[in-house]
Amino acid sequence: HVRVTRGASGVIVGTAAEGGARSKVACIDPPGGAIANMKNCTGAGDCLLGTTAACVLRWPQLDLENAILAGMEAAKCTIESSEAVSPSLNSEWLETVVGR
């Protein structure tokens, strides 16, 4: 997979083809609209990637798009926090976001 972040415009994901299937490219818009209370962008990309990876490993049945959406939610929480990683991000938060 190739993932390209576009800041407030979301993420582009490319998935390589297997067994003669066509490769796929998807544009994923950020959930929840614009960020109303931007405080700090430090750590947002790390939260996006780390949460996406955690979802893929913890819930293998979850499709990549939903894992990325959870990652974007984590990035948004961090951007709205004055910390480099939002203190609200934890396993309970992740289960709530994925369980929606």
N, C-alpha and C. Protein backbone atom coordinates (compact mmCIF):
# COMPACT_ATOMS: atom_id res chain seq x y z
N HIS A 1 0.84 -1.18 0.00
CA HIS A 1 0.00 0.00 0.00
C HIS A 1 0.88 1.25 0.00
N VAL A 2 0.40 2.27 -0.66
CA VAL A 2 1.05 3.57 -0.63
C VAL A 2 0.02 4.55 -0.10
N ARG A 3 0.45 5.37 0.85
CA ARG A 3 -0.45 6.35 1.45
C ARG A 3 0.18 7.71 1.31
N VAL A 4 -0.58 8.67 0.79
CA VAL A 4 -0.11 10.04 0.64
C VAL A 4 -1.08 10.94 1.40
N THR A 5 -0.56 11.64 2.41
CA THR A 5 -1.43 12.54 3.15
C THR A 5 -1.52 13.88 2.43
N ARG A 6 -2.70 14.47 2.52
CA ARG A 6 -2.96 15.75 1.87
C ARG A 6 -3.43 16.79 2.88
N GLY A 7 -2.92 16.69 4.12
CA GLY A 7 -3.31 17.64 5.15
C GLY A 7 -4.81 17.62 5.38
N ALA A 8 -5.41 18.79 5.37
CA ALA A 8 -6.85 18.92 5.62
C ALA A 8 -7.70 18.30 4.51
N SER A 9 -7.07 17.93 3.38
CA SER A 9 -7.82 17.34 2.27
C SER A 9 -7.92 15.82 2.33
N GLY A 10 -7.33 15.20 3.35
CA GLY A 10 -7.47 13.75 3.50
C GLY A 10 -6.25 12.97 3.06
N VAL A 11 -6.51 11.75 2.59
CA VAL A 11 -5.45 10.80 2.25
C VAL A 11 -5.76 10.14 0.91
N ILE A 12 -4.72 9.92 0.13
CA ILE A 12 -4.83 9.11 -1.09
C ILE A 12 -4.14 7.79 -0.79
N VAL A 13 -4.81 6.68 -1.10
CA VAL A 13 -4.26 5.36 -0.86
C VAL A 13 -4.20 4.60 -2.17
N GLY A 14 -3.04 4.02 -2.44
CA GLY A 14 -2.88 3.15 -3.60
C GLY A 14 -2.60 1.74 -3.11
N THR A 15 -3.29 0.77 -3.67
CA THR A 15 -3.11 -0.63 -3.30
C THR A 15 -2.67 -1.40 -4.53
N ALA A 16 -1.56 -2.11 -4.42
CA ALA A 16 -1.03 -2.88 -5.54
C ALA A 16 -1.93 -4.07 -5.85
N ALA A 17 -1.96 -4.43 -7.10
CA ALA A 17 -2.78 -5.56 -7.54
C ALA A 17 -2.10 -6.87 -7.20
N GLU A 18 -2.92 -7.88 -6.96
CA GLU A 18 -2.42 -9.23 -6.73
C GLU A 18 -3.13 -10.19 -7.68
N GLY A 19 -2.41 -11.10 -8.23
CA GLY A 19 -3.01 -12.15 -9.05
C GLY A 19 -3.77 -11.65 -10.26
N GLY A 20 -3.28 -10.62 -10.92
CA GLY A 20 -3.91 -10.13 -12.14
C GLY A 20 -5.03 -9.12 -11.91
N ALA A 21 -5.36 -8.84 -10.65
CA ALA A 21 -6.40 -7.85 -10.37
C ALA A 21 -5.86 -6.45 -10.64
N ARG A 22 -6.77 -5.52 -10.83
CA ARG A 22 -6.38 -4.12 -11.07
C ARG A 22 -5.95 -3.46 -9.77
N SER A 23 -4.95 -2.61 -9.86
CA SER A 23 -4.55 -1.80 -8.72
C SER A 23 -5.67 -0.81 -8.41
N LYS A 24 -5.75 -0.38 -7.14
CA LYS A 24 -6.80 0.55 -6.74
C LYS A 24 -6.18 1.81 -6.15
N VAL A 25 -6.83 2.92 -6.42
CA VAL A 25 -6.46 4.19 -5.81
C VAL A 25 -7.74 4.78 -5.24
N ALA A 26 -7.68 5.23 -3.99
CA ALA A 26 -8.85 5.82 -3.35
C ALA A 26 -8.47 7.13 -2.68
N CYS A 27 -9.36 8.10 -2.75
CA CYS A 27 -9.21 9.34 -2.00
C CYS A 27 -10.15 9.26 -0.80
N ILE A 28 -9.59 9.43 0.39
CA ILE A 28 -10.38 9.33 1.61
C ILE A 28 -10.44 10.71 2.25
N ASP A 29 -11.64 11.24 2.34
CA ASP A 29 -11.83 12.56 2.95
C ASP A 29 -11.79 12.44 4.46
N PRO A 30 -11.32 13.48 5.14
CA PRO A 30 -11.27 13.43 6.61
C PRO A 30 -12.68 13.38 7.20
N PRO A 31 -12.86 12.59 8.26
CA PRO A 31 -14.17 12.52 8.90
C PRO A 31 -14.44 13.76 9.74
N GLY A 32 -15.67 14.15 9.82
CA GLY A 32 -16.06 15.21 10.74
C GLY A 32 -15.81 16.64 10.29
N GLY A 33 -15.42 16.84 9.06
CA GLY A 33 -15.25 18.20 8.56
C GLY A 33 -13.99 18.89 9.05
N ALA A 34 -14.02 20.20 8.96
CA ALA A 34 -12.85 21.01 9.28
C ALA A 34 -12.52 20.96 10.78
N ILE A 35 -11.26 21.17 11.07
CA ILE A 35 -10.80 21.21 12.47
C ILE A 35 -11.08 22.61 13.00
N ALA A 36 -11.90 22.66 14.03
CA ALA A 36 -12.34 23.95 14.56
C ALA A 36 -11.33 24.58 15.50
N ASN A 37 -10.58 23.76 16.22
CA ASN A 37 -9.74 24.27 17.29
C ASN A 37 -8.29 23.80 17.12
N MET A 38 -7.64 24.25 16.05
CA MET A 38 -6.27 23.81 15.78
C MET A 38 -5.30 24.44 16.78
N LYS A 39 -4.53 23.57 17.47
CA LYS A 39 -3.57 24.04 18.44
C LYS A 39 -2.14 23.66 18.08
N ASN A 40 -1.94 22.45 17.51
CA ASN A 40 -0.58 21.94 17.34
C ASN A 40 -0.60 20.83 16.29
N CYS A 41 0.20 20.97 15.26
CA CYS A 41 0.26 19.92 14.22
C CYS A 41 1.35 18.89 14.49
N THR A 42 2.20 19.15 15.46
CA THR A 42 3.27 18.20 15.78
C THR A 42 2.67 16.88 16.22
N GLY A 43 3.07 15.80 15.59
CA GLY A 43 2.60 14.47 15.96
C GLY A 43 1.38 13.98 15.21
N ALA A 44 0.75 14.84 14.43
CA ALA A 44 -0.48 14.44 13.73
C ALA A 44 -0.22 13.30 12.74
N GLY A 45 0.85 13.41 11.96
CA GLY A 45 1.17 12.35 11.00
C GLY A 45 1.54 11.04 11.68
N ASP A 46 2.26 11.15 12.80
CA ASP A 46 2.61 9.95 13.56
C ASP A 46 1.35 9.27 14.10
N CYS A 47 0.39 10.07 14.58
CA CYS A 47 -0.86 9.51 15.09
C CYS A 47 -1.67 8.86 13.97
N LEU A 48 -1.67 9.49 12.81
CA LEU A 48 -2.36 8.91 11.65
C LEU A 48 -1.78 7.55 11.30
N LEU A 49 -0.48 7.48 11.15
CA LEU A 49 0.17 6.23 10.77
C LEU A 49 0.08 5.18 11.87
N GLY A 50 0.36 5.59 13.12
CA GLY A 50 0.34 4.64 14.23
C GLY A 50 -1.04 4.05 14.47
N THR A 51 -2.07 4.87 14.41
CA THR A 51 -3.44 4.38 14.62
C THR A 51 -3.87 3.49 13.46
N THR A 52 -3.52 3.86 12.25
CA THR A 52 -3.85 3.02 11.10
C THR A 52 -3.20 1.65 11.25
N ALA A 53 -1.92 1.63 11.61
CA ALA A 53 -1.21 0.35 11.79
C ALA A 53 -1.81 -0.45 12.93
N ALA A 54 -2.16 0.21 14.04
CA ALA A 54 -2.77 -0.49 15.18
C ALA A 54 -4.08 -1.14 14.77
N CYS A 55 -4.87 -0.45 13.97
CA CYS A 55 -6.15 -1.01 13.50
C CYS A 55 -5.93 -2.23 12.61
N VAL A 56 -4.98 -2.13 11.70
CA VAL A 56 -4.70 -3.25 10.78
C VAL A 56 -4.24 -4.47 11.56
N LEU A 57 -3.41 -4.26 12.58
CA LEU A 57 -2.90 -5.39 13.36
C LEU A 57 -3.94 -5.94 14.34
N ARG A 58 -4.71 -5.06 14.96
CA ARG A 58 -5.67 -5.50 15.97
C ARG A 58 -6.95 -6.07 15.37
N TRP A 59 -7.39 -5.51 14.25
CA TRP A 59 -8.61 -5.96 13.59
C TRP A 59 -8.31 -6.28 12.13
N PRO A 60 -7.74 -7.46 11.85
CA PRO A 60 -7.36 -7.79 10.47
C PRO A 60 -8.54 -7.81 9.50
N GLN A 61 -9.74 -7.98 10.00
CA GLN A 61 -10.92 -7.99 9.13
C GLN A 61 -11.35 -6.58 8.72
N LEU A 62 -10.84 -5.56 9.40
CA LEU A 62 -11.18 -4.17 9.10
C LEU A 62 -10.51 -3.76 7.79
N ASP A 63 -11.28 -3.15 6.90
CA ASP A 63 -10.66 -2.74 5.64
C ASP A 63 -9.75 -1.53 5.85
N LEU A 64 -8.82 -1.35 4.93
CA LEU A 64 -7.81 -0.32 5.05
C LEU A 64 -8.43 1.08 5.13
N GLU A 65 -9.48 1.33 4.39
CA GLU A 65 -10.10 2.65 4.41
C GLU A 65 -10.60 3.00 5.82
N ASN A 66 -11.23 2.07 6.51
CA ASN A 66 -11.72 2.35 7.86
C ASN A 66 -10.57 2.48 8.86
N ALA A 67 -9.49 1.75 8.64
CA ALA A 67 -8.31 1.91 9.50
C ALA A 67 -7.72 3.31 9.32
N ILE A 68 -7.68 3.79 8.08
CA ILE A 68 -7.18 5.14 7.81
C ILE A 68 -8.11 6.20 8.39
N LEU A 69 -9.42 5.97 8.32
CA LEU A 69 -10.37 6.91 8.92
C LEU A 69 -10.13 7.03 10.42
N ALA A 70 -9.87 5.91 11.09
CA ALA A 70 -9.55 5.95 12.52
C ALA A 70 -8.26 6.72 12.74
N GLY A 71 -7.28 6.52 11.85
CA GLY A 71 -6.03 7.26 11.94
C GLY A 71 -6.23 8.76 11.79
N MET A 72 -7.13 9.15 10.89
CA MET A 72 -7.41 10.57 10.71
C MET A 72 -8.11 11.14 11.94
N GLU A 73 -8.96 10.35 12.58
CA GLU A 73 -9.59 10.80 13.84
C GLU A 73 -8.52 11.04 14.91
N ALA A 74 -7.54 10.14 15.00
CA ALA A 74 -6.45 10.31 15.97
C ALA A 74 -5.63 11.56 15.66
N ALA A 75 -5.36 11.79 14.39
CA ALA A 75 -4.61 13.00 13.99
C ALA A 75 -5.39 14.25 14.37
N LYS A 76 -6.70 14.23 14.15
CA LYS A 76 -7.53 15.38 14.50
C LYS A 76 -7.49 15.65 16.00
N CYS A 77 -7.59 14.59 16.81
CA CYS A 77 -7.50 14.76 18.28
C CYS A 77 -6.18 15.40 18.67
N THR A 78 -5.11 14.99 18.01
CA THR A 78 -3.80 15.53 18.33
C THR A 78 -3.66 16.99 17.90
N ILE A 79 -4.19 17.31 16.73
CA ILE A 79 -4.15 18.69 16.25
C ILE A 79 -4.92 19.61 17.18
N GLU A 80 -5.99 19.10 17.80
CA GLU A 80 -6.80 19.90 18.71
C GLU A 80 -6.25 19.90 20.14
N SER A 81 -5.11 19.24 20.35
CA SER A 81 -4.47 19.17 21.66
C SER A 81 -3.20 20.03 21.65
N SER A 82 -2.79 20.50 22.80
CA SER A 82 -1.53 21.25 22.86
C SER A 82 -0.33 20.30 23.00
N GLU A 83 -0.59 19.00 23.17
CA GLU A 83 0.46 17.99 23.29
C GLU A 83 0.85 17.45 21.90
N ALA A 84 2.02 16.82 21.80
CA ALA A 84 2.45 16.22 20.53
C ALA A 84 1.61 14.99 20.20
N VAL A 85 1.06 14.34 21.21
CA VAL A 85 0.09 13.25 21.05
C VAL A 85 -1.01 13.53 22.05
N SER A 86 -2.24 13.56 21.58
CA SER A 86 -3.36 13.85 22.48
C SER A 86 -3.42 12.83 23.62
N PRO A 87 -3.55 13.29 24.86
CA PRO A 87 -3.65 12.37 25.98
C PRO A 87 -4.94 11.55 25.97
N SER A 88 -5.90 11.93 25.15
CA SER A 88 -7.15 11.16 25.07
C SER A 88 -7.02 9.89 24.23
N LEU A 89 -5.90 9.75 23.50
CA LEU A 89 -5.71 8.56 22.66
C LEU A 89 -5.24 7.40 23.52
N ASN A 90 -6.04 6.35 23.55
CA ASN A 90 -5.70 5.13 24.28
C ASN A 90 -6.51 3.98 23.67
N SER A 91 -6.38 2.79 24.20
CA SER A 91 -7.05 1.63 23.60
C SER A 91 -8.57 1.75 23.69
N GLU A 92 -9.09 2.34 24.76
CA GLU A 92 -10.55 2.51 24.87
C GLU A 92 -11.05 3.48 23.81
N TRP A 93 -10.31 4.57 23.60
CA TRP A 93 -10.68 5.53 22.56
C TRP A 93 -10.70 4.83 21.20
N LEU A 94 -9.68 4.05 20.93
CA LEU A 94 -9.57 3.35 19.64
C LEU A 94 -10.74 2.39 19.44
N GLU A 95 -11.10 1.63 20.45
CA GLU A 95 -12.22 0.70 20.33
C GLU A 95 -13.53 1.44 20.09
N THR A 96 -13.68 2.60 20.70
CA THR A 96 -14.89 3.41 20.47
C THR A 96 -14.95 3.89 19.03
N VAL A 97 -13.83 4.38 18.51
CA VAL A 97 -13.79 4.90 17.13
C VAL A 97 -14.02 3.78 16.13
N VAL A 98 -13.39 2.64 16.31
CA VAL A 98 -13.54 1.53 15.36
C VAL A 98 -14.93 0.91 15.48
N GLY A 99 -15.52 0.94 16.67
CA GLY A 99 -16.82 0.33 16.89
C GLY A 99 -17.99 1.13 16.34
N ARG A 100 -17.76 2.34 15.85
CA ARG A 100 -18.87 3.17 15.32
C ARG A 100 -19.48 2.55 14.10
